[in-house]
Amino acid sequence: MAINGKLIHRLGFAVLLAAFCHVVAAGPGRTGEGPQVRAATVAVDDWHDVPGGSWTPGLPDIEAAKAQIEPYVRRQAQLSHQTLPPWDSYTFQYQGQDFQGRKIIYVNAFCNDHFVNPAGTGMVVVFDGGPCFFQAFWDPLNKIFLTVLFNGQA
């Protein structure tokens, strides 16, 4: 099987995602939880800071990412033939991380109807569930999203 550049790019971000989360294998629709952490330190609407990152994003960075995430994710979903649930059903977790020498904001998104008060329990990690679950990577220096990864279907 030949491995193309796009696959390598996606695999790189999958490795990045795994490095950010203490992943525990989970079955369909179930979460793998990392260590328990205190409740989010900074919450902006449905955006919750999850402690444990390598730096703490400021409110201006979070507001900039928040302003651009919906149109970016909707476009990427359209390009990959994904049907998103209603936008207001999502909860967002975020963490400041370093990747290849630059700061990024890791954004983890999931539909509210799957969890009760997940913000204080660490990163929510689900291995399927389709576009109800996605991860995005924001570059605060260039003020752009680098990529979004939608979960697959079991």
C-alpha atoms as a PDB file:
ATOM      1  CA  MET A   1       0.000   0.000   0.000  1.00  0.00           C
ATOM      2  CA  ALA A   2       1.398   3.384  -0.968  1.00  0.00           C
ATOM      3  CA  ILE A   3       1.301   6.120   1.648  1.00  0.00           C
ATOM      4  CA  ASN A   4       0.583   9.538   0.212  1.00  0.00           C
ATOM      5  CA  GLY A   5       1.408  12.939   1.698  1.00  0.00           C
ATOM      6  CA  LYS A   6      -2.168  13.565   2.833  1.00  0.00           C
ATOM      7  CA  LEU A   7      -2.195  10.324   4.832  1.00  0.00           C
ATOM      8  CA  ILE A   8       1.154  11.148   6.403  1.00  0.00           C
ATOM      9  CA  HIS A   9      -0.190  14.613   7.285  1.00  0.00           C
ATOM     10  CA  ARG A  10      -3.294  13.091   8.944  1.00  0.00           C
ATOM     11  CA  LEU A  11      -1.175  10.482  10.751  1.00  0.00           C
ATOM     12  CA  GLY A  12       1.053  13.256  12.088  1.00  0.00           C
ATOM     13  CA  PHE A  13      -1.933  15.005  13.630  1.00  0.00           C
ATOM     14  CA  ALA A  14      -3.263  11.693  14.955  1.00  0.00           C
ATOM     15  CA  VAL A  15       0.062  11.193  16.738  1.00  0.00           C
ATOM     16  CA  LEU A  16      -0.182  14.779  17.986  1.00  0.00           C
ATOM     17  CA  LEU A  17      -3.674  14.087  19.303  1.00  0.00           C
ATOM     18  CA  ALA A  18      -2.536  10.920  21.074  1.00  0.00           C
ATOM     19  CA  ALA A  19       0.337  12.812  22.670  1.00  0.00           C
ATOM     20  CA  PHE A  20      -2.073  15.418  24.074  1.00  0.00           C
ATOM     21  CA  CYS A  21      -4.423  12.935  25.649  1.00  0.00           C
ATOM     22  CA  HIS A  22      -3.729  10.062  27.968  1.00  0.00           C
ATOM     23  CA  VAL A  23      -5.738   7.736  25.779  1.00  0.00           C
ATOM     24  CA  VAL A  24      -7.364   4.673  27.254  1.00  0.00           C
ATOM     25  CA  ALA A  25      -8.990   2.298  24.774  1.00  0.00           C
ATOM     26  CA  ALA A  26     -12.745   2.666  24.731  1.00  0.00           C
ATOM     27  CA  GLY A  27     -15.514   0.870  22.919  1.00  0.00           C
ATOM     28  CA  PRO A  28     -18.085   2.486  20.659  1.00  0.00           C
ATOM     29  CA  GLY A  29     -19.660   5.542  22.255  1.00  0.00           C
ATOM     30  CA  ARG A  30     -17.591   5.198  25.424  1.00  0.00           C
ATOM     31  CA  THR A  31     -14.849   7.494  26.598  1.00  0.00           C
ATOM     32  CA  GLY A  32     -11.319   6.840  27.723  1.00  0.00           C
ATOM     33  CA  GLU A  33     -10.505   9.150  30.587  1.00  0.00           C
ATOM     34  CA  GLY A  34      -7.098  10.375  31.529  1.00  0.00           C
ATOM     35  CA  PRO A  35      -6.187  11.434  35.044  1.00  0.00           C
ATOM     36  CA  GLN A  36      -8.841  13.350  36.929  1.00  0.00           C
ATOM     37  CA  VAL A  37      -8.242  17.093  36.973  1.00  0.00           C
ATOM     38  CA  ARG A  38      -9.875  20.043  38.668  1.00  0.00           C
ATOM     39  CA  ALA A  39     -12.708  21.886  36.975  1.00  0.00           C
ATOM     40  CA  ALA A  40     -11.816  24.097  34.033  1.00  0.00           C
ATOM     41  CA  THR A  41      -9.897  27.229  34.951  1.00  0.00           C
ATOM     42  CA  VAL A  42     -11.167  29.417  32.117  1.00  0.00           C
ATOM     43  CA  ALA A  43     -14.566  28.846  30.532  1.00  0.00           C
ATOM     44  CA  VAL A  44     -15.836  30.918  27.637  1.00  0.00           C
ATOM     45  CA  ASP A  45     -19.453  29.907  26.979  1.00  0.00           C
ATOM     46  CA  ASP A  46     -19.174  26.220  26.062  1.00  0.00           C
ATOM     47  CA  TRP A  47     -15.357  26.382  25.821  1.00  0.00           C
ATOM     48  CA  HIS A  48     -13.547  24.804  28.784  1.00  0.00           C
ATOM     49  CA  ASP A  49      -9.840  24.996  29.586  1.00  0.00           C
ATOM     50  CA  VAL A  50      -8.459  21.581  30.497  1.00  0.00           C
ATOM     51  CA  PRO A  51      -5.375  21.884  32.731  1.00  0.00           C
ATOM     52  CA  GLY A  52      -2.245  20.002  31.767  1.00  0.00           C
ATOM     53  CA  GLY A  53      -1.122  21.814  28.630  1.00  0.00           C
ATOM     54  CA  SER A  54       2.340  23.234  28.158  1.00  0.00           C
ATOM     55  CA  TRP A  55       1.080  26.851  28.182  1.00  0.00           C
ATOM     56  CA  THR A  56      -2.105  28.701  29.041  1.00  0.00           C
ATOM     57  CA  PRO A  57      -3.867  30.454  26.169  1.00  0.00           C
ATOM     58  CA  GLY A  58      -5.166  33.926  26.934  1.00  0.00           C
ATOM     59  CA  LEU A  59      -8.722  35.069  26.387  1.00  0.00           C
ATOM     60  CA  PRO A  60      -7.861  36.914  23.114  1.00  0.00           C
ATOM     61  CA  ASP A  61      -6.482  33.659  21.616  1.00  0.00           C
ATOM     62  CA  ILE A  62      -9.558  31.681  22.675  1.00  0.00           C
ATOM     63  CA  GLU A  63     -11.930  34.354  21.368  1.00  0.00           C
ATOM     64  CA  ALA A  64     -10.104  34.416  18.002  1.00  0.00           C
ATOM     65  CA  ALA A  65     -10.268  30.615  17.675  1.00  0.00           C
ATOM     66  CA  LYS A  66     -13.897  30.608  18.750  1.00  0.00           C
ATOM     67  CA  ALA A  67     -14.780  33.231  16.117  1.00  0.00           C
ATOM     68  CA  GLN A  68     -13.294  31.159  13.287  1.00  0.00           C
ATOM     69  CA  ILE A  69     -14.006  27.562  14.259  1.00  0.00           C
ATOM     70  CA  GLU A  70     -17.594  27.213  13.050  1.00  0.00           C
ATOM     71  CA  PRO A  71     -17.065  28.381   9.447  1.00  0.00           C
ATOM     72  CA  TYR A  72     -13.810  26.407   9.232  1.00  0.00           C
ATOM     73  CA  VAL A  73     -15.313  23.166  10.555  1.00  0.00           C
ATOM     74  CA  ARG A  74     -18.463  23.544   8.436  1.00  0.00           C
ATOM     75  CA  ARG A  75     -16.332  23.969   5.296  1.00  0.00           C
ATOM     76  CA  GLN A  76     -14.131  20.993   6.135  1.00  0.00           C
ATOM     77  CA  ALA A  77     -17.217  18.876   6.895  1.00  0.00           C
ATOM     78  CA  GLN A  78     -18.703  19.824   3.528  1.00  0.00           C
ATOM     79  CA  LEU A  79     -15.461  18.939   1.723  1.00  0.00           C
ATOM     80  CA  SER A  80     -15.341  15.529   3.429  1.00  0.00           C
ATOM     81  CA  HIS A  81     -19.093  14.854   2.999  1.00  0.00           C
ATOM     82  CA  GLN A  82     -19.776  14.936   6.743  1.00  0.00           C
ATOM     83  CA  THR A  83     -23.126  16.043   8.169  1.00  0.00           C
ATOM     84  CA  LEU A  84     -22.673  18.043  11.359  1.00  0.00           C
ATOM     85  CA  PRO A  85     -25.197  18.014  14.191  1.00  0.00           C
ATOM     86  CA  PRO A  86     -26.580  21.410  15.270  1.00  0.00           C
ATOM     87  CA  TRP A  87     -23.658  23.682  16.177  1.00  0.00           C
ATOM     88  CA  ASP A  88     -25.166  24.650  19.523  1.00  0.00           C
ATOM     89  CA  SER A  89     -25.054  20.986  20.590  1.00  0.00           C
ATOM     90  CA  TYR A  90     -21.234  21.069  20.857  1.00  0.00           C
ATOM     91  CA  THR A  91     -19.104  21.548  23.956  1.00  0.00           C
ATOM     92  CA  PHE A  92     -15.470  22.528  23.414  1.00  0.00           C
ATOM     93  CA  GLN A  93     -12.416  21.702  25.496  1.00  0.00           C
ATOM     94  CA  TYR A  94      -9.061  23.328  24.828  1.00  0.00           C
ATOM     95  CA  GLN A  95      -5.455  23.193  25.896  1.00  0.00           C
ATOM     96  CA  GLY A  96      -2.327  25.154  24.984  1.00  0.00           C
ATOM     97  CA  GLN A  97       0.266  22.780  23.519  1.00  0.00           C
ATOM     98  CA  ASP A  98       3.662  22.972  21.830  1.00  0.00           C
ATOM     99  CA  PHE A  99       4.068  21.190  18.498  1.00  0.00           C
ATOM    100  CA  GLN A 100       7.337  21.195  16.572  1.00  0.00           C
ATOM    101  CA  GLY A 101       8.539  24.291  18.399  1.00  0.00           C
ATOM    102  CA  ARG A 102       5.390  26.376  18.023  1.00  0.00           C
ATOM    103  CA  LYS A 103       2.427  27.030  20.246  1.00  0.00           C
ATOM    104  CA  ILE A 104      -0.955  25.717  19.173  1.00  0.00           C
ATOM    105  CA  ILE A 105      -4.341  25.443  20.817  1.00  0.00           C
ATOM    106  CA  TYR A 106      -5.764  21.936  20.749  1.00  0.00           C
ATOM    107  CA  VAL A 107      -9.585  22.046  20.575  1.00  0.00           C
ATOM    108  CA  ASN A 108     -11.630  18.953  21.390  1.00  0.00           C
ATOM    109  CA  ALA A 109     -15.342  19.133  20.497  1.00  0.00           C
ATOM    110  CA  PHE A 110     -18.232  16.782  21.231  1.00  0.00           C
ATOM    111  CA  CYS A 111     -22.018  16.797  21.272  1.00  0.00           C
ATOM    112  CA  ASN A 112     -23.519  17.700  24.645  1.00  0.00           C
ATOM    113  CA  ASP A 113     -26.113  14.947  24.589  1.00  0.00           C
ATOM    114  CA  HIS A 114     -23.412  12.272  25.041  1.00  0.00           C
ATOM    115  CA  PHE A 115     -22.011  13.494  28.365  1.00  0.00           C
ATOM    116  CA  VAL A 116     -23.064  15.072  31.623  1.00  0.00           C
ATOM    117  CA  ASN A 117     -20.715  17.825  32.874  1.00  0.00           C
ATOM    118  CA  PRO A 118     -17.555  16.550  31.126  1.00  0.00           C
ATOM    119  CA  ALA A 119     -15.560  19.766  31.464  1.00  0.00           C
ATOM    120  CA  GLY A 120     -13.941  18.901  34.797  1.00  0.00           C
ATOM    121  CA  THR A 121     -13.068  15.295  34.017  1.00  0.00           C
ATOM    122  CA  GLY A 122     -10.135  15.758  31.643  1.00  0.00           C
ATOM    123  CA  MET A 123     -10.185  15.484  27.876  1.00  0.00           C
ATOM    124  CA  VAL A 124     -13.132  13.537  26.527  1.00  0.00           C
ATOM    125  CA  VAL A 125     -11.738  10.896  24.151  1.00  0.00           C
ATOM    126  CA  VAL A 126     -14.048   8.876  21.912  1.00  0.00           C
ATOM    127  CA  PHE A 127     -12.859   6.670  19.057  1.00  0.00           C
ATOM    128  CA  ASP A 128     -15.973   6.751  16.887  1.00  0.00           C
ATOM    129  CA  GLY A 129     -19.233   8.700  16.785  1.00  0.00           C
ATOM    130  CA  GLY A 130     -18.689  10.500  13.498  1.00  0.00           C
ATOM    131  CA  PRO A 131     -18.765  14.295  13.231  1.00  0.00           C
ATOM    132  CA  CYS A 132     -20.373  14.616  16.658  1.00  0.00           C
ATOM    133  CA  PHE A 133     -16.733  14.407  17.784  1.00  0.00           C
ATOM    134  CA  PHE A 134     -13.833  16.328  16.270  1.00  0.00           C
ATOM    135  CA  GLN A 135     -10.440  17.766  17.149  1.00  0.00           C
ATOM    136  CA  ALA A 136      -9.048  20.996  15.692  1.00  0.00           C
ATOM    137  CA  PHE A 137      -5.658  22.670  15.941  1.00  0.00           C
ATOM    138  CA  TRP A 138      -5.444  26.499  16.098  1.00  0.00           C
ATOM    139  CA  ASP A 139      -2.276  28.471  15.390  1.00  0.00           C
ATOM    140  CA  PRO A 140      -2.572  31.623  17.545  1.00  0.00           C
ATOM    141  CA  LEU A 141       0.420  33.305  15.864  1.00  0.00           C
ATOM    142  CA  ASN A 142      -1.053  33.118  12.344  1.00  0.00           C
ATOM    143  CA  LYS A 143      -4.662  33.133  13.578  1.00  0.00           C
ATOM    144  CA  ILE A 144      -5.695  30.111  11.493  1.00  0.00           C
ATOM    145  CA  PHE A 145      -6.850  26.567  12.021  1.00  0.00           C
ATOM    146  CA  LEU A 146      -4.273  24.043  10.841  1.00  0.00           C
ATOM    147  CA  THR A 147      -6.617  21.091  10.513  1.00  0.00           C
ATOM    148  CA  VAL A 148      -9.697  19.380  11.871  1.00  0.00           C
ATOM    149  CA  LEU A 149     -10.087  15.640  12.404  1.00  0.00           C
ATOM    150  CA  PHE A 150     -13.584  14.163  12.508  1.00  0.00           C
ATOM    151  CA  ASN A 151     -14.131  10.872  14.281  1.00  0.00           C
ATOM    152  CA  GLY A 152     -15.000   7.866  12.168  1.00  0.00           C
ATOM    153  CA  GLN A 153     -18.019   5.595  12.452  1.00  0.00           C
ATOM    154  CA  ALA A 154     -17.815   2.234  14.218  1.00  0.00           C
END
